[in-house]
Amino acid sequence: MISYAPFWRTLKEKNITTYTLINKYNISSATIDRIKKGNGISTMKIDDFCRILNCNVSDIVEYIDDN
């Protein structure tokens, strides 16, 4: 299972809000909603987040084994 918990931690550490992502960086509210609900997002969006937040993929998503 993919978890976006690192994304929320990274936002907090970088002091960036979802409002800023939407209004300053043109990330759609639908993308933020997908992350909140734990749904998939494209690798292009992960790349965008890494660029905006100046971080690694592991700071956005992590894999958690369901077993």
PDB file of N, CA and C in Angstrom:
ATOM      1  N   MET A   1       0.844  -1.170   0.000  1.00  0.00           N
ATOM      2  CA  MET A   1       0.000   0.000   0.000  1.00  0.00           C
ATOM      3  C   MET A   1       0.899   1.247   0.000  1.00  0.00           C
ATOM      4  N   ILE A   2       0.523   2.236  -0.754  1.00  0.00           N
ATOM      5  CA  ILE A   2       1.241   3.505  -0.789  1.00  0.00           C
ATOM      6  C   ILE A   2       0.651   4.438   0.258  1.00  0.00           C
ATOM      7  N   SER A   3       1.523   5.038   1.051  1.00  0.00           N
ATOM      8  CA  SER A   3       1.110   5.991   2.079  1.00  0.00           C
ATOM      9  C   SER A   3       1.678   7.366   1.736  1.00  0.00           C
ATOM     10  N   TYR A   4       0.854   8.383   1.956  1.00  0.00           N
ATOM     11  CA  TYR A   4       1.286   9.757   1.745  1.00  0.00           C
ATOM     12  C   TYR A   4       1.655  10.449   3.055  1.00  0.00           C
ATOM     13  N   ALA A   5       1.813   9.700   4.125  1.00  0.00           N
ATOM     14  CA  ALA A   5       2.192  10.282   5.418  1.00  0.00           C
ATOM     15  C   ALA A   5       3.468  11.130   5.308  1.00  0.00           C
ATOM     16  N   PRO A   6       4.476  10.669   4.546  1.00  0.00           N
ATOM     17  CA  PRO A   6       5.677  11.510   4.420  1.00  0.00           C
ATOM     18  C   PRO A   6       5.387  12.874   3.783  1.00  0.00           C
ATOM     19  N   PHE A   7       4.423  12.907   2.874  1.00  0.00           N
ATOM     20  CA  PHE A   7       4.041  14.162   2.221  1.00  0.00           C
ATOM     21  C   PHE A   7       3.585  15.188   3.251  1.00  0.00           C
ATOM     22  N   TRP A   8       2.710  14.752   4.160  1.00  0.00           N
ATOM     23  CA  TRP A   8       2.173  15.673   5.171  1.00  0.00           C
ATOM     24  C   TRP A   8       3.271  16.117   6.143  1.00  0.00           C
ATOM     25  N   ARG A   9       4.176  15.214   6.481  1.00  0.00           N
ATOM     26  CA  ARG A   9       5.298  15.589   7.354  1.00  0.00           C
ATOM     27  C   ARG A   9       6.212  16.596   6.659  1.00  0.00           C
ATOM     28  N   THR A  10       6.466  16.365   5.382  1.00  0.00           N
ATOM     29  CA  THR A  10       7.342  17.254   4.623  1.00  0.00           C
ATOM     30  C   THR A  10       6.717  18.642   4.490  1.00  0.00           C
ATOM     31  N   LEU A  11       5.425  18.688   4.219  1.00  0.00           N
ATOM     32  CA  LEU A  11       4.754  19.988   4.150  1.00  0.00           C
ATOM     33  C   LEU A  11       4.924  20.746   5.459  1.00  0.00           C
ATOM     34  N   LYS A  12       4.704  20.053   6.568  1.00  0.00           N
ATOM     35  CA  LYS A  12       4.810  20.683   7.881  1.00  0.00           C
ATOM     36  C   LYS A  12       6.243  21.168   8.134  1.00  0.00           C
ATOM     37  N   GLU A  13       7.228  20.326   7.824  1.00  0.00           N
ATOM     38  CA  GLU A  13       8.638  20.683   8.023  1.00  0.00           C
ATOM     39  C   GLU A  13       9.042  21.894   7.185  1.00  0.00           C
ATOM     40  N   LYS A  14       8.499  21.974   5.963  1.00  0.00           N
ATOM     41  CA  LYS A  14       8.845  23.069   5.051  1.00  0.00           C
ATOM     42  C   LYS A  14       7.940  24.283   5.256  1.00  0.00           C
ATOM     43  N   ASN A  15       6.975  24.145   6.167  1.00  0.00           N
ATOM     44  CA  ASN A  15       6.030  25.223   6.471  1.00  0.00           C
ATOM     45  C   ASN A  15       5.282  25.685   5.216  1.00  0.00           C
ATOM     46  N   ILE A  16       4.806  24.710   4.442  1.00  0.00           N
ATOM     47  CA  ILE A  16       4.034  24.978   3.232  1.00  0.00           C
ATOM     48  C   ILE A  16       2.647  24.371   3.416  1.00  0.00           C
ATOM     49  N   THR A  17       1.636  25.135   3.069  1.00  0.00           N
ATOM     50  CA  THR A  17       0.251  24.677   3.213  1.00  0.00           C
ATOM     51  C   THR A  17      -0.280  24.168   1.876  1.00  0.00           C
ATOM     52  N   THR A  18      -1.372  23.441   1.945  1.00  0.00           N
ATOM     53  CA  THR A  18      -2.027  23.009   0.706  1.00  0.00           C
ATOM     54  C   THR A  18      -2.549  24.231  -0.048  1.00  0.00           C
ATOM     55  N   TYR A  19      -2.951  25.270   0.689  1.00  0.00           N
ATOM     56  CA  TYR A  19      -3.395  26.518   0.059  1.00  0.00           C
ATOM     57  C   TYR A  19      -2.276  27.087  -0.824  1.00  0.00           C
ATOM     58  N   THR A  20      -1.055  27.078  -0.308  1.00  0.00           N
ATOM     59  CA  THR A  20       0.096  27.567  -1.067  1.00  0.00           C
ATOM     60  C   THR A  20       0.345  26.703  -2.295  1.00  0.00           C
ATOM     61  N   LEU A  21       0.254  25.389  -2.125  1.00  0.00           N
ATOM     62  CA  LEU A  21       0.447  24.489  -3.267  1.00  0.00           C
ATOM     63  C   LEU A  21      -0.561  24.781  -4.373  1.00  0.00           C
ATOM     64  N   ILE A  22      -1.790  25.006  -3.974  1.00  0.00           N
ATOM     65  CA  ILE A  22      -2.863  25.242  -4.949  1.00  0.00           C
ATOM     66  C   ILE A  22      -2.722  26.610  -5.607  1.00  0.00           C
ATOM     67  N   ASN A  23      -2.519  27.645  -4.802  1.00  0.00           N
ATOM     68  CA  ASN A  23      -2.559  29.011  -5.324  1.00  0.00           C
ATOM     69  C   ASN A  23      -1.233  29.539  -5.864  1.00  0.00           C
ATOM     70  N   LYS A  24      -0.124  29.120  -5.300  1.00  0.00           N
ATOM     71  CA  LYS A  24       1.169  29.608  -5.775  1.00  0.00           C
ATOM     72  C   LYS A  24       1.779  28.690  -6.829  1.00  0.00           C
ATOM     73  N   TYR A  25       1.600  27.368  -6.647  1.00  0.00           N
ATOM     74  CA  TYR A  25       2.254  26.398  -7.531  1.00  0.00           C
ATOM     75  C   TYR A  25       1.302  25.705  -8.501  1.00  0.00           C
ATOM     76  N   ASN A  26       0.042  26.122  -8.494  1.00  0.00           N
ATOM     77  CA  ASN A  26      -0.973  25.605  -9.429  1.00  0.00           C
ATOM     78  C   ASN A  26      -1.189  24.093  -9.354  1.00  0.00           C
ATOM     79  N   ILE A  27      -1.050  23.536  -8.156  1.00  0.00           N
ATOM     80  CA  ILE A  27      -1.421  22.137  -7.952  1.00  0.00           C
ATOM     81  C   ILE A  27      -2.933  22.106  -7.795  1.00  0.00           C
ATOM     82  N   SER A  28      -3.598  21.220  -8.495  1.00  0.00           N
ATOM     83  CA  SER A  28      -5.055  21.220  -8.441  1.00  0.00           C
ATOM     84  C   SER A  28      -5.564  20.729  -7.087  1.00  0.00           C
ATOM     85  N   SER A  29      -6.700  21.270  -6.693  1.00  0.00           N
ATOM     86  CA  SER A  29      -7.317  20.834  -5.440  1.00  0.00           C
ATOM     87  C   SER A  29      -7.724  19.371  -5.547  1.00  0.00           C
ATOM     88  N   ALA A  30      -7.989  18.890  -6.756  1.00  0.00           N
ATOM     89  CA  ALA A  30      -8.337  17.479  -6.959  1.00  0.00           C
ATOM     90  C   ALA A  30      -7.144  16.583  -6.608  1.00  0.00           C
ATOM     91  N   THR A  31      -5.937  17.020  -6.929  1.00  0.00           N
ATOM     92  CA  THR A  31      -4.734  16.253  -6.584  1.00  0.00           C
ATOM     93  C   THR A  31      -4.573  16.188  -5.076  1.00  0.00           C
ATOM     94  N   ILE A  32      -4.755  17.315  -4.403  1.00  0.00           N
ATOM     95  CA  ILE A  32      -4.664  17.342  -2.939  1.00  0.00           C
ATOM     96  C   ILE A  32      -5.727  16.430  -2.341  1.00  0.00           C
ATOM     97  N   ASP A  33      -6.927  16.467  -2.905  1.00  0.00           N
ATOM     98  CA  ASP A  33      -8.018  15.616  -2.428  1.00  0.00           C
ATOM     99  C   ASP A  33      -7.682  14.139  -2.614  1.00  0.00           C
ATOM    100  N   ARG A  34      -7.065  13.782  -3.743  1.00  0.00           N
ATOM    101  CA  ARG A  34      -6.673  12.387  -3.995  1.00  0.00           C
ATOM    102  C   ARG A  34      -5.664  11.925  -2.947  1.00  0.00           C
ATOM    103  N   ILE A  35      -4.721  12.788  -2.605  1.00  0.00           N
ATOM    104  CA  ILE A  35      -3.719  12.441  -1.593  1.00  0.00           C
ATOM    105  C   ILE A  35      -4.392  12.266  -0.235  1.00  0.00           C
ATOM    106  N   LYS A  36      -5.297  13.186   0.115  1.00  0.00           N
ATOM    107  CA  LYS A  36      -6.006  13.099   1.399  1.00  0.00           C
ATOM    108  C   LYS A  36      -6.763  11.786   1.528  1.00  0.00           C
ATOM    109  N   LYS A  37      -7.328  11.326   0.408  1.00  0.00           N
ATOM    110  CA  LYS A  37      -8.123  10.094   0.409  1.00  0.00           C
ATOM    111  C   LYS A  37      -7.270   8.848   0.198  1.00  0.00           C
ATOM    112  N   GLY A  38      -5.964   9.034  -0.010  1.00  0.00           N
ATOM    113  CA  GLY A  38      -5.075   7.894  -0.201  1.00  0.00           C
ATOM    114  C   GLY A  38      -5.153   7.278  -1.582  1.00  0.00           C
ATOM    115  N   ASN A  39      -5.687   8.018  -2.544  1.00  0.00           N
ATOM    116  CA  ASN A  39      -5.772   7.525  -3.913  1.00  0.00           C
ATOM    117  C   ASN A  39      -4.463   7.804  -4.650  1.00  0.00           C
ATOM    118  N   GLY A  40      -4.309   7.166  -5.780  1.00  0.00           N
ATOM    119  CA  GLY A  40      -3.082   7.318  -6.548  1.00  0.00           C
ATOM    120  C   GLY A  40      -2.951   8.671  -7.221  1.00  0.00           C
ATOM    121  N   ILE A  41      -1.712   9.103  -7.398  1.00  0.00           N
ATOM    122  CA  ILE A  41      -1.402  10.285  -8.194  1.00  0.00           C
ATOM    123  C   ILE A  41      -0.305   9.889  -9.185  1.00  0.00           C
ATOM    124  N   SER A  42      -0.158  10.675 -10.216  1.00  0.00           N
ATOM    125  CA  SER A  42       0.808  10.336 -11.258  1.00  0.00           C
ATOM    126  C   SER A  42       2.240  10.587 -10.796  1.00  0.00           C
ATOM    127  N   THR A  43       3.151   9.908 -11.448  1.00  0.00           N
ATOM    128  CA  THR A  43       4.566  10.140 -11.155  1.00  0.00           C
ATOM    129  C   THR A  43       4.960  11.564 -11.555  1.00  0.00           C
ATOM    130  N   MET A  44       4.253  12.133 -12.515  1.00  0.00           N
ATOM    131  CA  MET A  44       4.513  13.518 -12.899  1.00  0.00           C
ATOM    132  C   MET A  44       4.198  14.453 -11.720  1.00  0.00           C
ATOM    133  N   LYS A  45       3.121  14.179 -10.999  1.00  0.00           N
ATOM    134  CA  LYS A  45       2.765  14.988  -9.828  1.00  0.00           C
ATOM    135  C   LYS A  45       3.778  14.781  -8.706  1.00  0.00           C
ATOM    136  N   ILE A  46       4.232  13.559  -8.529  1.00  0.00           N
ATOM    137  CA  ILE A  46       5.262  13.303  -7.514  1.00  0.00           C
ATOM    138  C   ILE A  46       6.515  14.093  -7.867  1.00  0.00           C
ATOM    139  N   ASP A  47       6.866  14.114  -9.151  1.00  0.00           N
ATOM    140  CA  ASP A  47       8.002  14.900  -9.617  1.00  0.00           C
ATOM    141  C   ASP A  47       7.787  16.388  -9.320  1.00  0.00           C
ATOM    142  N   ASP A  48       6.576  16.886  -9.569  1.00  0.00           N
ATOM    143  CA  ASP A  48       6.255  18.289  -9.271  1.00  0.00           C
ATOM    144  C   ASP A  48       6.450  18.587  -7.792  1.00  0.00           C
ATOM    145  N   PHE A  49       5.946  17.698  -6.932  1.00  0.00           N
ATOM    146  CA  PHE A  49       6.073  17.903  -5.486  1.00  0.00           C
ATOM    147  C   PHE A  49       7.545  17.892  -5.060  1.00  0.00           C
ATOM    148  N   CYS A  50       8.321  16.984  -5.615  1.00  0.00           N
ATOM    149  CA  CYS A  50       9.751  16.928  -5.284  1.00  0.00           C
ATOM    150  C   CYS A  50      10.448  18.221  -5.675  1.00  0.00           C
ATOM    151  N   ARG A  51      10.096  18.761  -6.823  1.00  0.00           N
ATOM    152  CA  ARG A  51      10.691  20.020  -7.284  1.00  0.00           C
ATOM    153  C   ARG A  51      10.253  21.176  -6.383  1.00  0.00           C
ATOM    154  N   ILE A  52       8.956  21.280  -6.119  1.00  0.00           N
ATOM    155  CA  ILE A  52       8.420  22.370  -5.299  1.00  0.00           C
ATOM    156  C   ILE A  52       8.975  22.326  -3.885  1.00  0.00           C
ATOM    157  N   LEU A  53       9.016  21.134  -3.300  1.00  0.00           N
ATOM    158  CA  LEU A  53       9.424  20.983  -1.905  1.00  0.00           C
ATOM    159  C   LEU A  53      10.922  20.748  -1.746  1.00  0.00           C
ATOM    160  N   ASN A  54      11.617  20.637  -2.874  1.00  0.00           N
ATOM    161  CA  ASN A  54      13.053  20.369  -2.861  1.00  0.00           C
ATOM    162  C   ASN A  54      13.364  19.156  -1.972  1.00  0.00           C
ATOM    163  N   CYS A  55      12.773  18.038  -2.351  1.00  0.00           N
ATOM    164  CA  CYS A  55      12.911  16.828  -1.539  1.00  0.00           C
ATOM    165  C   CYS A  55      13.001  15.599  -2.438  1.00  0.00           C
ATOM    166  N   ASN A  56      13.121  14.430  -1.820  1.00  0.00           N
ATOM    167  CA  ASN A  56      13.168  13.153  -2.530  1.00  0.00           C
ATOM    168  C   ASN A  56      11.796  12.506  -2.568  1.00  0.00           C
ATOM    169  N   VAL A  57      11.650  11.516  -3.427  1.00  0.00           N
ATOM    170  CA  VAL A  57      10.386  10.780  -3.535  1.00  0.00           C
ATOM    171  C   VAL A  57       9.987  10.193  -2.182  1.00  0.00           C
ATOM    172  N   SER A  58      10.962   9.715  -1.422  1.00  0.00           N
ATOM    173  CA  SER A  58      10.666   9.120  -0.106  1.00  0.00           C
ATOM    174  C   SER A  58      10.117  10.139   0.885  1.00  0.00           C
ATOM    175  N   ASP A  59      10.234  11.425   0.561  1.00  0.00           N
ATOM    176  CA  ASP A  59       9.641  12.467   1.394  1.00  0.00           C
ATOM    177  C   ASP A  59       8.197  12.759   1.001  1.00  0.00           C
ATOM    178  N   ILE A  60       7.723  12.071  -0.034  1.00  0.00           N
ATOM    179  CA  ILE A  60       6.357  12.251  -0.540  1.00  0.00           C
ATOM    180  C   ILE A  60       5.525  10.992  -0.306  1.00  0.00           C
ATOM    181  N   VAL A  61       6.075   9.843  -0.673  1.00  0.00           N
ATOM    182  CA  VAL A  61       5.343   8.569  -0.550  1.00  0.00           C
ATOM    183  C   VAL A  61       6.224   7.514   0.093  1.00  0.00           C
ATOM    184  N   GLU A  62       5.565   6.523   0.667  1.00  0.00           N
ATOM    185  CA  GLU A  62       6.268   5.349   1.161  1.00  0.00           C
ATOM    186  C   GLU A  62       5.399   4.122   0.925  1.00  0.00           C
ATOM    187  N   TYR A  63       6.062   3.012   0.734  1.00  0.00           N
ATOM    188  CA  TYR A  63       5.357   1.736   0.562  1.00  0.00           C
ATOM    189  C   TYR A  63       5.265   1.042   1.910  1.00  0.00           C
ATOM    190  N   ILE A  64       4.047   0.613   2.244  1.00  0.00           N
ATOM    191  CA  ILE A  64       3.816  -0.147   3.472  1.00  0.00           C
ATOM    192  C   ILE A  64       3.261  -1.507   3.088  1.00  0.00           C
ATOM    193  N   ASP A  65       3.960  -2.561   3.470  1.00  0.00           N
ATOM    194  CA  ASP A  65       3.524  -3.926   3.163  1.00  0.00           C
ATOM    195  C   ASP A  65       2.246  -4.226   3.948  1.00  0.00           C
ATOM    196  N   ASP A  66       1.224  -4.722   3.251  1.00  0.00           N
ATOM    197  CA  ASP A  66      -0.060  -5.025   3.880  1.00  0.00           C
ATOM    198  C   ASP A  66      -0.011  -6.260   4.776  1.00  0.00           C
ATOM    199  N   ASN A  67       1.037  -7.073   4.634  1.00  0.00           N
ATOM    200  CA  ASN A  67       1.100  -8.307   5.415  1.00  0.00           C
ATOM    201  C   ASN A  67       1.464  -8.012   6.791  1.00  0.00           C
TER     202      ASN A  67
END
